[in-house]
Amino acid sequence: MKEQVIAELHVVPLGTETASLSHYVAACLNVLKEAEDITYRLTAMGTIVQGPLDRILELAREMHEVPFTMGVKRVATTIYIDDRRDKLISIEGKIKAVLDKNP
């Protein structure tokens, strides 16, 4: 069984000049666009990623560093990991499981 986790990442620059953070989110998303070994989905409130745990943690660290390269002095990053080891999981499968119970 190929172990994969699903994680939700939130990288939040603090103390920015404006309330808009979309240019920081877009820059962080570039880290995932360059990664060919994971699946990701941008949502309105965070980014969902799927892949091997070590790789997800590596990418989360890279994303955490992005706002610092853009001049931000403080960044708060949260990672929520779903690591299920009794069966394979996927982003689509988790969504389907909920929708099947609530048609």
PDB file of N, CA and C in Angstrom:
ATOM      1  N   MET A   1       0.844  -1.176   0.000  1.00  0.00           N
ATOM      2  CA  MET A   1       0.000   0.000   0.000  1.00  0.00           C
ATOM      3  C   MET A   1       0.892   1.244   0.000  1.00  0.00           C
ATOM      4  N   LYS A   2       0.710   2.103  -0.960  1.00  0.00           N
ATOM      5  CA  LYS A   2       1.488   3.333  -1.059  1.00  0.00           C
ATOM      6  C   LYS A   2       0.933   4.345  -0.058  1.00  0.00           C
ATOM      7  N   GLU A   3       1.711   4.640   0.974  1.00  0.00           N
ATOM      8  CA  GLU A   3       1.235   5.537   2.026  1.00  0.00           C
ATOM      9  C   GLU A   3       1.172   6.981   1.536  1.00  0.00           C
ATOM     10  N   GLN A   4       0.026   7.581   1.744  1.00  0.00           N
ATOM     11  CA  GLN A   4      -0.175   8.979   1.410  1.00  0.00           C
ATOM     12  C   GLN A   4      -0.980   9.617   2.528  1.00  0.00           C
ATOM     13  N   VAL A   5      -0.740  10.872   2.744  1.00  0.00           N
ATOM     14  CA  VAL A   5      -1.535  11.640   3.692  1.00  0.00           C
ATOM     15  C   VAL A   5      -2.232  12.754   2.931  1.00  0.00           C
ATOM     16  N   ILE A   6      -3.244  13.286   3.572  1.00  0.00           N
ATOM     17  CA  ILE A   6      -3.902  14.493   3.074  1.00  0.00           C
ATOM     18  C   ILE A   6      -3.690  15.536   4.152  1.00  0.00           C
ATOM     19  N   ALA A   7      -3.253  16.708   3.748  1.00  0.00           N
ATOM     20  CA  ALA A   7      -3.002  17.776   4.712  1.00  0.00           C
ATOM     21  C   ALA A   7      -3.614  19.072   4.205  1.00  0.00           C
ATOM     22  N   GLU A   8      -4.018  19.892   5.152  1.00  0.00           N
ATOM     23  CA  GLU A   8      -4.479  21.236   4.820  1.00  0.00           C
ATOM     24  C   GLU A   8      -3.442  22.209   5.366  1.00  0.00           C
ATOM     25  N   LEU A   9      -2.962  23.089   4.503  1.00  0.00           N
ATOM     26  CA  LEU A   9      -1.914  24.042   4.867  1.00  0.00           C
ATOM     27  C   LEU A   9      -2.457  25.464   4.850  1.00  0.00           C
ATOM     28  N   HIS A  10      -2.064  26.218   5.863  1.00  0.00           N
ATOM     29  CA  HIS A  10      -2.383  27.641   5.934  1.00  0.00           C
ATOM     30  C   HIS A  10      -1.083  28.375   6.251  1.00  0.00           C
ATOM     31  N   VAL A  11      -0.624  29.184   5.329  1.00  0.00           N
ATOM     32  CA  VAL A  11       0.568  30.012   5.536  1.00  0.00           C
ATOM     33  C   VAL A  11       0.077  31.452   5.594  1.00  0.00           C
ATOM     34  N   VAL A  12       0.230  32.064   6.757  1.00  0.00           N
ATOM     35  CA  VAL A  12      -0.335  33.399   6.970  1.00  0.00           C
ATOM     36  C   VAL A  12       0.763  34.392   7.345  1.00  0.00           C
ATOM     37  N   PRO A  13       1.065  35.324   6.431  1.00  0.00           N
ATOM     38  CA  PRO A  13       2.015  36.375   6.761  1.00  0.00           C
ATOM     39  C   PRO A  13       1.352  37.356   7.738  1.00  0.00           C
ATOM     40  N   LEU A  14       2.086  37.774   8.742  1.00  0.00           N
ATOM     41  CA  LEU A  14       1.544  38.700   9.744  1.00  0.00           C
ATOM     42  C   LEU A  14       2.245  40.050   9.636  1.00  0.00           C
ATOM     43  N   GLY A  15       1.484  41.111   9.908  1.00  0.00           N
ATOM     44  CA  GLY A  15       2.064  42.453   9.903  1.00  0.00           C
ATOM     45  C   GLY A  15       2.322  42.997   8.520  1.00  0.00           C
ATOM     46  N   THR A  16       1.503  42.604   7.556  1.00  0.00           N
ATOM     47  CA  THR A  16       1.687  43.098   6.192  1.00  0.00           C
ATOM     48  C   THR A  16       1.095  44.502   6.049  1.00  0.00           C
ATOM     49  N   GLU A  17       1.473  45.175   4.995  1.00  0.00           N
ATOM     50  CA  GLU A  17       1.026  46.556   4.787  1.00  0.00           C
ATOM     51  C   GLU A  17      -0.455  46.657   4.447  1.00  0.00           C
ATOM     52  N   THR A  18      -1.014  45.641   3.793  1.00  0.00           N
ATOM     53  CA  THR A  18      -2.427  45.672   3.422  1.00  0.00           C
ATOM     54  C   THR A  18      -3.123  44.416   3.946  1.00  0.00           C
ATOM     55  N   ALA A  19      -4.438  44.454   3.932  1.00  0.00           N
ATOM     56  CA  ALA A  19      -5.226  43.300   4.388  1.00  0.00           C
ATOM     57  C   ALA A  19      -5.234  42.174   3.361  1.00  0.00           C
ATOM     58  N   SER A  20      -4.967  42.481   2.106  1.00  0.00           N
ATOM     59  CA  SER A  20      -4.975  41.469   1.051  1.00  0.00           C
ATOM     60  C   SER A  20      -3.740  40.580   1.143  1.00  0.00           C
ATOM     61  N   LEU A  21      -3.967  39.263   1.090  1.00  0.00           N
ATOM     62  CA  LEU A  21      -2.865  38.306   1.164  1.00  0.00           C
ATOM     63  C   LEU A  21      -2.742  37.456  -0.103  1.00  0.00           C
ATOM     64  N   SER A  22      -3.559  37.719  -1.103  1.00  0.00           N
ATOM     65  CA  SER A  22      -3.613  36.838  -2.273  1.00  0.00           C
ATOM     66  C   SER A  22      -2.276  36.733  -3.006  1.00  0.00           C
ATOM     67  N   HIS A  23      -1.479  37.788  -3.044  1.00  0.00           N
ATOM     68  CA  HIS A  23      -0.189  37.685  -3.745  1.00  0.00           C
ATOM     69  C   HIS A  23       0.778  36.778  -2.976  1.00  0.00           C
ATOM     70  N   TYR A  24       0.645  36.710  -1.657  1.00  0.00           N
ATOM     71  CA  TYR A  24       1.460  35.768  -0.880  1.00  0.00           C
ATOM     72  C   TYR A  24       0.996  34.334  -1.124  1.00  0.00           C
ATOM     73  N   VAL A  25      -0.315  34.148  -1.164  1.00  0.00           N
ATOM     74  CA  VAL A  25      -0.875  32.810  -1.425  1.00  0.00           C
ATOM     75  C   VAL A  25      -0.433  32.333  -2.801  1.00  0.00           C
ATOM     76  N   ALA A  26      -0.498  33.213  -3.795  1.00  0.00           N
ATOM     77  CA  ALA A  26      -0.090  32.845  -5.154  1.00  0.00           C
ATOM     78  C   ALA A  26       1.384  32.443  -5.184  1.00  0.00           C
ATOM     79  N   ALA A  27       2.219  33.149  -4.457  1.00  0.00           N
ATOM     80  CA  ALA A  27       3.644  32.820  -4.418  1.00  0.00           C
ATOM     81  C   ALA A  27       3.874  31.479  -3.727  1.00  0.00           C
ATOM     82  N   CYS A  28       3.148  31.214  -2.645  1.00  0.00           N
ATOM     83  CA  CYS A  28       3.260  29.916  -1.963  1.00  0.00           C
ATOM     84  C   CYS A  28       2.780  28.790  -2.865  1.00  0.00           C
ATOM     85  N   LEU A  29       1.738  29.047  -3.635  1.00  0.00           N
ATOM     86  CA  LEU A  29       1.188  28.034  -4.538  1.00  0.00           C
ATOM     87  C   LEU A  29       2.205  27.615  -5.596  1.00  0.00           C
ATOM     88  N   ASN A  30       3.107  28.516  -5.956  1.00  0.00           N
ATOM     89  CA  ASN A  30       4.146  28.177  -6.933  1.00  0.00           C
ATOM     90  C   ASN A  30       5.014  27.015  -6.460  1.00  0.00           C
ATOM     91  N   VAL A  31       5.212  26.901  -5.147  1.00  0.00           N
ATOM     92  CA  VAL A  31       5.975  25.776  -4.600  1.00  0.00           C
ATOM     93  C   VAL A  31       5.292  24.464  -4.969  1.00  0.00           C
ATOM     94  N   LEU A  32       3.968  24.423  -4.844  1.00  0.00           N
ATOM     95  CA  LEU A  32       3.219  23.196  -5.155  1.00  0.00           C
ATOM     96  C   LEU A  32       3.141  22.949  -6.658  1.00  0.00           C
ATOM     97  N   LYS A  33       3.050  24.002  -7.445  1.00  0.00           N
ATOM     98  CA  LYS A  33       2.991  23.846  -8.905  1.00  0.00           C
ATOM     99  C   LYS A  33       4.255  23.193  -9.438  1.00  0.00           C
ATOM    100  N   GLU A  34       5.382  23.450  -8.792  1.00  0.00           N
ATOM    101  CA  GLU A  34       6.654  22.880  -9.234  1.00  0.00           C
ATOM    102  C   GLU A  34       6.856  21.450  -8.748  1.00  0.00           C
ATOM    103  N   ALA A  35       6.079  21.011  -7.779  1.00  0.00           N
ATOM    104  CA  ALA A  35       6.202  19.659  -7.223  1.00  0.00           C
ATOM    105  C   ALA A  35       5.370  18.697  -8.065  1.00  0.00           C
ATOM    106  N   GLU A  36       6.023  17.738  -8.686  1.00  0.00           N
ATOM    107  CA  GLU A  36       5.321  16.811  -9.575  1.00  0.00           C
ATOM    108  C   GLU A  36       4.829  15.560  -8.859  1.00  0.00           C
ATOM    109  N   ASP A  37       5.223  15.378  -7.604  1.00  0.00           N
ATOM    110  CA  ASP A  37       4.922  14.134  -6.909  1.00  0.00           C
ATOM    111  C   ASP A  37       3.798  14.252  -5.877  1.00  0.00           C
ATOM    112  N   ILE A  38       3.037  15.339  -5.932  1.00  0.00           N
ATOM    113  CA  ILE A  38       1.916  15.521  -5.017  1.00  0.00           C
ATOM    114  C   ILE A  38       0.698  16.008  -5.792  1.00  0.00           C
ATOM    115  N   THR A  39      -0.452  15.927  -5.144  1.00  0.00           N
ATOM    116  CA  THR A  39      -1.694  16.482  -5.677  1.00  0.00           C
ATOM    117  C   THR A  39      -2.102  17.604  -4.746  1.00  0.00           C
ATOM    118  N   TYR A  40      -2.646  18.690  -5.300  1.00  0.00           N
ATOM    119  CA  TYR A  40      -3.085  19.774  -4.432  1.00  0.00           C
ATOM    120  C   TYR A  40      -4.356  20.405  -4.970  1.00  0.00           C
ATOM    121  N   ARG A  41      -5.064  21.058  -4.059  1.00  0.00           N
ATOM    122  CA  ARG A  41      -6.276  21.780  -4.437  1.00  0.00           C
ATOM    123  C   ARG A  41      -6.344  23.052  -3.606  1.00  0.00           C
ATOM    124  N   LEU A  42      -6.355  24.193  -4.275  1.00  0.00           N
ATOM    125  CA  LEU A  42      -6.512  25.474  -3.621  1.00  0.00           C
ATOM    126  C   LEU A  42      -7.982  25.643  -3.249  1.00  0.00           C
ATOM    127  N   THR A  43      -8.256  26.055  -2.012  1.00  0.00           N
ATOM    128  CA  THR A  43      -9.622  26.363  -1.594  1.00  0.00           C
ATOM    129  C   THR A  43      -9.663  27.826  -1.151  1.00  0.00           C
ATOM    130  N   ALA A  44     -10.831  28.294  -0.822  1.00  0.00           N
ATOM    131  CA  ALA A  44     -10.978  29.692  -0.416  1.00  0.00           C
ATOM    132  C   ALA A  44     -10.282  30.005   0.901  1.00  0.00           C
ATOM    133  N   MET A  45     -10.054  28.975   1.726  1.00  0.00           N
ATOM    134  CA  MET A  45      -9.506  29.216   3.058  1.00  0.00           C
ATOM    135  C   MET A  45      -8.186  28.509   3.335  1.00  0.00           C
ATOM    136  N   GLY A  46      -7.666  27.771   2.382  1.00  0.00           N
ATOM    137  CA  GLY A  46      -6.420  27.049   2.583  1.00  0.00           C
ATOM    138  C   GLY A  46      -6.091  26.223   1.359  1.00  0.00           C
ATOM    139  N   THR A  47      -5.090  25.402   1.473  1.00  0.00           N
ATOM    140  CA  THR A  47      -4.686  24.535   0.370  1.00  0.00           C
ATOM    141  C   THR A  47      -4.616  23.099   0.880  1.00  0.00           C
ATOM    142  N   ILE A  48      -5.248  22.187   0.149  1.00  0.00           N
ATOM    143  CA  ILE A  48      -5.245  20.768   0.475  1.00  0.00           C
ATOM    144  C   ILE A  48      -4.164  20.105  -0.381  1.00  0.00           C
ATOM    145  N   VAL A  49      -3.326  19.297   0.240  1.00  0.00           N
ATOM    146  CA  VAL A  49      -2.280  18.576  -0.483  1.00  0.00           C
ATOM    147  C   VAL A  49      -2.342  17.095  -0.146  1.00  0.00           C
ATOM    148  N   GLN A  50      -1.952  16.273  -1.107  1.00  0.00           N
ATOM    149  CA  GLN A  50      -1.946  14.826  -0.932  1.00  0.00           C
ATOM    150  C   GLN A  50      -0.632  14.279  -1.445  1.00  0.00           C
ATOM    151  N   GLY A  51      -0.006  13.430  -0.639  1.00  0.00           N
ATOM    152  CA  GLY A  51       1.248  12.815  -1.035  1.00  0.00           C
ATOM    153  C   GLY A  51       1.915  12.160   0.160  1.00  0.00           C
ATOM    154  N   PRO A  52       3.149  11.688  -0.013  1.00  0.00           N
ATOM    155  CA  PRO A  52       3.884  11.081   1.098  1.00  0.00           C
ATOM    156  C   PRO A  52       4.119  12.110   2.215  1.00  0.00           C
ATOM    157  N   LEU A  53       4.010  11.665   3.461  1.00  0.00           N
ATOM    158  CA  LEU A  53       4.122  12.567   4.600  1.00  0.00           C
ATOM    159  C   LEU A  53       5.414  13.381   4.581  1.00  0.00           C
ATOM    160  N   ASP A  54       6.538  12.736   4.369  1.00  0.00           N
ATOM    161  CA  ASP A  54       7.816  13.458   4.367  1.00  0.00           C
ATOM    162  C   ASP A  54       7.831  14.560   3.306  1.00  0.00           C
ATOM    163  N   ARG A  55       7.265  14.269   2.150  1.00  0.00           N
ATOM    164  CA  ARG A  55       7.247  15.259   1.060  1.00  0.00           C
ATOM    165  C   ARG A  55       6.320  16.426   1.402  1.00  0.00           C
ATOM    166  N   ILE A  56       5.172  16.122   1.997  1.00  0.00           N
ATOM    167  CA  ILE A  56       4.243  17.180   2.380  1.00  0.00           C
ATOM    168  C   ILE A  56       4.897  18.107   3.405  1.00  0.00           C
ATOM    169  N   LEU A  57       5.592  17.536   4.375  1.00  0.00           N
ATOM    170  CA  LEU A  57       6.264  18.357   5.388  1.00  0.00           C
ATOM    171  C   LEU A  57       7.379  19.198   4.770  1.00  0.00           C
ATOM    172  N   GLU A  58       8.097  18.624   3.822  1.00  0.00           N
ATOM    173  CA  GLU A  58       9.143  19.362   3.119  1.00  0.00           C
ATOM    174  C   GLU A  58       8.549  20.559   2.359  1.00  0.00           C
ATOM    175  N   LEU A  59       7.443  20.317   1.654  1.00  0.00           N
ATOM    176  CA  LEU A  59       6.803  21.395   0.891  1.00  0.00           C
ATOM    177  C   LEU A  59       6.203  22.451   1.811  1.00  0.00           C
ATOM    178  N   ALA A  60       5.650  22.025   2.951  1.00  0.00           N
ATOM    179  CA  ALA A  60       5.096  22.983   3.911  1.00  0.00           C
ATOM    180  C   ALA A  60       6.197  23.924   4.399  1.00  0.00           C
ATOM    181  N   ARG A  61       7.372  23.380   4.639  1.00  0.00           N
ATOM    182  CA  ARG A  61       8.494  24.220   5.080  1.00  0.00           C
ATOM    183  C   ARG A  61       8.882  25.215   3.984  1.00  0.00           C
ATOM    184  N   GLU A  62       8.925  24.747   2.748  1.00  0.00           N
ATOM    185  CA  GLU A  62       9.250  25.645   1.630  1.00  0.00           C
ATOM    186  C   GLU A  62       8.211  26.755   1.514  1.00  0.00           C
ATOM    187  N   MET A  63       6.930  26.394   1.637  1.00  0.00           N
ATOM    188  CA  MET A  63       5.869  27.395   1.551  1.00  0.00           C
ATOM    189  C   MET A  63       5.958  28.392   2.709  1.00  0.00           C
ATOM    190  N   HIS A  64       6.299  27.905   3.884  1.00  0.00           N
ATOM    191  CA  HIS A  64       6.435  28.762   5.061  1.00  0.00           C
ATOM    192  C   HIS A  64       7.509  29.835   4.833  1.00  0.00           C
ATOM    193  N   GLU A  65       8.554  29.505   4.107  1.00  0.00           N
ATOM    194  CA  GLU A  65       9.659  30.431   3.858  1.00  0.00           C
ATOM    195  C   GLU A  65       9.321  31.501   2.819  1.00  0.00           C
ATOM    196  N   VAL A  66       8.354  31.243   1.954  1.00  0.00           N
ATOM    197  CA  VAL A  66       8.067  32.160   0.843  1.00  0.00           C
ATOM    198  C   VAL A  66       7.771  33.588   1.299  1.00  0.00           C
ATOM    199  N   PRO A  67       6.861  33.817   2.243  1.00  0.00           N
ATOM    200  CA  PRO A  67       6.600  35.211   2.635  1.00  0.00           C
ATOM    201  C   PRO A  67       7.838  35.931   3.184  1.00  0.00           C
ATOM    202  N   PHE A  68       8.725  35.179   3.838  1.00  0.00           N
ATOM    203  CA  PHE A  68       9.958  35.805   4.331  1.00  0.00           C
ATOM    204  C   PHE A  68      10.794  36.331   3.163  1.00  0.00           C
ATOM    205  N   THR A  69      10.813  35.586   2.042  1.00  0.00           N
ATOM    206  CA  THR A  69      11.569  36.038   0.871  1.00  0.00           C
ATOM    207  C   THR A  69      10.930  37.270   0.243  1.00  0.00           C
ATOM    208  N   MET A  70       9.670  37.539   0.612  1.00  0.00           N
ATOM    209  CA  MET A  70       8.946  38.688   0.087  1.00  0.00           C
ATOM    210  C   MET A  70       8.977  39.870   1.059  1.00  0.00           C
ATOM    211  N   GLY A  71       9.794  39.763   2.102  1.00  0.00           N
ATOM    212  CA  GLY A  71       9.969  40.876   3.020  1.00  0.00           C
ATOM    213  C   GLY A  71       9.141  40.820   4.296  1.00  0.00           C
ATOM    214  N   VAL A  72       8.314  39.809   4.470  1.00  0.00           N
ATOM    215  CA  VAL A  72       7.511  39.694   5.681  1.00  0.00           C
ATOM    216  C   VAL A  72       8.429  39.312   6.845  1.00  0.00           C
ATOM    217  N   LYS A  73       8.145  39.845   8.008  1.00  0.00           N
ATOM    218  CA  LYS A  73       8.983  39.596   9.188  1.00  0.00           C
ATOM    219  C   LYS A  73       8.431  38.495  10.093  1.00  0.00           C
ATOM    220  N   ARG A  74       7.144  38.117   9.915  1.00  0.00           N
ATOM    221  CA  ARG A  74       6.535  37.101  10.769  1.00  0.00           C
ATOM    222  C   ARG A  74       5.525  36.290   9.963  1.00  0.00           C
ATOM    223  N   VAL A  75       5.575  34.958  10.127  1.00  0.00           N
ATOM    224  CA  VAL A  75       4.674  34.064   9.392  1.00  0.00           C
ATOM    225  C   VAL A  75       4.146  33.009  10.357  1.00  0.00           C
ATOM    226  N   ALA A  76       2.836  32.768  10.313  1.00  0.00           N
ATOM    227  CA  ALA A  76       2.222  31.699  11.097  1.00  0.00           C
ATOM    228  C   ALA A  76       1.715  30.636  10.125  1.00  0.00           C
ATOM    229  N   THR A  77       2.185  29.411  10.293  1.00  0.00           N
ATOM    230  CA  THR A  77       1.781  28.314   9.417  1.00  0.00           C
ATOM    231  C   THR A  77       1.129  27.223  10.255  1.00  0.00           C
ATOM    232  N   THR A  78      -0.028  26.762   9.788  1.00  0.00           N
ATOM    233  CA  THR A  78      -0.687  25.631  10.438  1.00  0.00           C
ATOM    234  C   THR A  78      -0.800  24.497   9.441  1.00  0.00           C
ATOM    235  N   ILE A  79      -0.665  23.284   9.960  1.00  0.00           N
ATOM    236  CA  ILE A  79      -0.754  22.085   9.129  1.00  0.00           C
ATOM    237  C   ILE A  79      -1.688  21.110   9.828  1.00  0.00           C
ATOM    238  N   TYR A  80      -2.720  20.687   9.129  1.00  0.00           N
ATOM    239  CA  TYR A  80      -3.656  19.692   9.636  1.00  0.00           C
ATOM    240  C   TYR A  80      -3.454  18.448   8.774  1.00  0.00           C
ATOM    241  N   ILE A  81      -3.027  17.342   9.389  1.00  0.00           N
ATOM    242  CA  ILE A  81      -2.677  16.133   8.633  1.00  0.00           C
ATOM    243  C   ILE A  81      -3.660  15.015   8.919  1.00  0.00           C
ATOM    244  N   ASP A  82      -4.193  14.409   7.870  1.00  0.00           N
ATOM    245  CA  ASP A  82      -5.018  13.201   7.969  1.00  0.00           C
ATOM    246  C   ASP A  82      -4.158  12.048   7.465  1.00  0.00           C
ATOM    247  N   ASP A  83      -3.708  11.208   8.382  1.00  0.00           N
ATOM    248  CA  ASP A  83      -2.805  10.100   8.067  1.00  0.00           C
ATOM    249  C   ASP A  83      -3.531   8.804   8.407  1.00  0.00           C
ATOM    250  N   ARG A  84      -4.174   8.216   7.420  1.00  0.00           N
ATOM    251  CA  ARG A  84      -4.936   6.982   7.615  1.00  0.00           C
ATOM    252  C   ARG A  84      -4.126   5.824   7.062  1.00  0.00           C
ATOM    253  N   ARG A  85      -3.902   4.810   7.880  1.00  0.00           N
ATOM    254  CA  ARG A  85      -3.014   3.725   7.484  1.00  0.00           C
ATOM    255  C   ARG A  85      -3.708   2.392   7.274  1.00  0.00           C
ATOM    256  N   ASP A  86      -5.033   2.372   7.406  1.00  0.00           N
ATOM    257  CA  ASP A  86      -5.740   1.110   7.173  1.00  0.00           C
ATOM    258  C   ASP A  86      -6.251   0.981   5.742  1.00  0.00           C
ATOM    259  N   LYS A  87      -6.263   2.094   5.000  1.00  0.00           N
ATOM    260  CA  LYS A  87      -6.649   2.052   3.592  1.00  0.00           C
ATOM    261  C   LYS A  87      -6.170   3.316   2.899  1.00  0.00           C
ATOM    262  N   LEU A  88      -6.091   3.246   1.589  1.00  0.00           N
ATOM    263  CA  LEU A  88      -5.674   4.413   0.814  1.00  0.00           C
ATOM    264  C   LEU A  88      -6.759   5.479   0.854  1.00  0.00           C
ATOM    265  N   ILE A  89      -6.345   6.724   0.974  1.00  0.00           N
ATOM    266  CA  ILE A  89      -7.285   7.836   0.953  1.00  0.00           C
ATOM    267  C   ILE A  89      -6.875   8.809  -0.143  1.00  0.00           C
ATOM    268  N   SER A  90      -7.841   9.600  -0.570  1.00  0.00           N
ATOM    269  CA  SER A  90      -7.562  10.630  -1.567  1.00  0.00           C
ATOM    270  C   SER A  90      -8.469  11.826  -1.294  1.00  0.00           C
ATOM    271  N   ILE A  91      -8.106  12.951  -1.829  1.00  0.00           N
ATOM    272  CA  ILE A  91      -8.922  14.152  -1.685  1.00  0.00           C
ATOM    273  C   ILE A  91     -10.316  13.885  -2.238  1.00  0.00           C
ATOM    274  N   GLU A  92     -10.378  13.348  -3.438  1.00  0.00           N
ATOM    275  CA  GLU A  92     -11.661  13.091  -4.086  1.00  0.00           C
ATOM    276  C   GLU A  92     -12.478  12.057  -3.316  1.00  0.00           C
ATOM    277  N   GLY A  93     -11.805  11.034  -2.796  1.00  0.00           N
ATOM    278  CA  GLY A  93     -12.498   9.988  -2.052  1.00  0.00           C
ATOM    279  C   GLY A  93     -13.139  10.508  -0.781  1.00  0.00           C
ATOM    280  N   LYS A  94     -12.454  11.414  -0.093  1.00  0.00           N
ATOM    281  CA  LYS A  94     -13.016  11.990   1.131  1.00  0.00           C
ATOM    282  C   LYS A  94     -14.245  12.841   0.814  1.00  0.00           C
ATOM    283  N   ILE A  95     -14.186  13.601  -0.256  1.00  0.00           N
ATOM    284  CA  ILE A  95     -15.326  14.425  -0.660  1.00  0.00           C
ATOM    285  C   ILE A  95     -16.498  13.542  -1.069  1.00  0.00           C
ATOM    286  N   LYS A  96     -16.206  12.503  -1.860  1.00  0.00           N
ATOM    287  CA  LYS A  96     -17.245  11.591  -2.328  1.00  0.00           C
ATOM    288  C   LYS A  96     -17.940  10.901  -1.152  1.00  0.00           C
ATOM    289  N   ALA A  97     -17.168  10.500  -0.133  1.00  0.00           N
ATOM    290  CA  ALA A  97     -17.747   9.813   1.019  1.00  0.00           C
ATOM    291  C   ALA A  97     -18.789  10.686   1.721  1.00  0.00           C
ATOM    292  N   VAL A  98     -18.539  11.974   1.795  1.00  0.00           N
ATOM    293  CA  VAL A  98     -19.495  12.890   2.414  1.00  0.00           C
ATOM    294  C   VAL A  98     -20.699  13.105   1.506  1.00  0.00           C
ATOM    295  N   LEU A  99     -20.450  13.351   0.219  1.00  0.00           N
ATOM    296  CA  LEU A  99     -21.557  13.614  -0.705  1.00  0.00           C
ATOM    297  C   LEU A  99     -22.463  12.406  -0.864  1.00  0.00           C
ATOM    298  N   ASP A 100     -21.920  11.197  -0.797  1.00  0.00           N
ATOM    299  CA  ASP A 100     -22.722   9.983  -0.896  1.00  0.00           C
ATOM    300  C   ASP A 100     -23.708   9.869   0.278  1.00  0.00           C
ATOM    301  N   LYS A 101     -23.349  10.449   1.401  1.00  0.00           N
ATOM    302  CA  LYS A 101     -24.215  10.387   2.577  1.00  0.00           C
ATOM    303  C   LYS A 101     -25.183  11.566   2.647  1.00  0.00           C
ATOM    304  N   ASN A 102     -25.008  12.520   1.752  1.00  0.00           N
ATOM    305  CA  ASN A 102     -25.838  13.717   1.758  1.00  0.00           C
ATOM    306  C   ASN A 102     -26.141  14.138   0.323  1.00  0.00           C
ATOM    307  N   PRO A 103     -26.948  13.324  -0.386  1.00  0.00           N
ATOM    308  CA  PRO A 103     -27.209  13.605  -1.821  1.00  0.00           C
ATOM    309  C   PRO A 103     -28.004  14.884  -2.045  1.00  0.00           C
TER     310      PRO A 103
END
